[in-house]
Amino acid sequence: MAKLILILMGWLLFSPVLPAMAAGPFTIHPPAATSGIDPQAVTVVGHMQRHLLRKGDDLLEIARHYGLGYSEIGVMYRQWDPFLPPIGQEMVIPTMWIVPDSRGRQIIVNTGEMRLYFFKTPTQVYTFPIGMGVLDFKTPSGTFKVINKKVNPSWHIPKSLQAKYGMAVMPPGPDNPLGELKLTLSWGDYGIHGTAMPLGVGRLVSHGCTRMYPEHIRKLFPMVPVGASVEYIYEPAKIGFKDGRVFLSVHEDVYFKIRSMLLHVLSMLEQRGLLDQVNMTKVLQTVEEQNGAPVDITGGGGGMAPDYRRPL
């Protein structure tokens, strides 16, 4: 009996949760003011988990199992072969996020972190990883609406790719990159949809569209009404709050839009009136690592903030 209990405890400790649990819903409380620390604010959701690597594990499937895009795992373990990670190693799983400002929209797609946020209400949010446009076909920023919801959509192939596929329209099926479901946006024929290639989620893979895991688009699709407002933003660095503390997450600048991530983060902290309330050592470390995980940067003791307005 004692041996059985130990086995069960080990399974509970290391067995991953289902992907849907990583998606939410999460309860948030946006800060009441645009500067300073609101002790009641909650914009950091989820929690870090742990996973014990076993024979046959690979980082792409682990990411999907926990509802993450590959990049969210890959940047934390850059030194590992994604298909042959070290057996027996315990991994930290970054199922914790800083929720961006909804801006009054129902969906925020933050291409700066390859993640979508669906605000079912102003205080209830779901979040899902995405795949998005390659460097030659960047997913743009802008405000749109959901104009149609399609089941088993056909793919209207861009003219530049029609010769490659030998057709102008690809019918539904296992080879169709749109997958089973599509939220069409008021932006050409682009949209938010599933994918026939799930391992591309968390990567730059599309010609501008937003790809989701099949299980995630199935969850999101019925919740989103036609007419829902959608905004695409590019915010690789975010500031959040929980329990009266300040958190910072910094992702890689995959579209190379930010000249200096450090200056960008310091400017954000100054605009929010937080420069004198954070530990600058932790800020610098978070900017240096750029692994996307929220870090508690509250408090002093990290030295004086540099004058980022002076040229470096």
Foldseek 3Di string as FASTA:
>chain_A
DVVVVVVVVVCVQAPADAQQVLFDFDFFDDAPDLADFDLPGFQKDDDKGKHQAAPQDFQLVVQVRNQHASLLVCLVPVVADRRCGDHGDMDIRQSMAGHDQCVPFQKEQAPQQQKIWGPLDNGIITMGGKAFADLVQGQDWDKKFQADKDFQDKDQDPPVCCVVVVHRIHGGDLQGQQPGIWRAIPPPRATEGEGSDQNNGNYNDDNHHIYGHPVVCVVVRVSDDGGGMYTYHHDQWDWGDDSRFIKIAGADRNNPPDPQQLLVVCVSCVSRHRQQFFQVQVVVVRSVSRSGRIDGGGHYPNDHDDPSVDDD
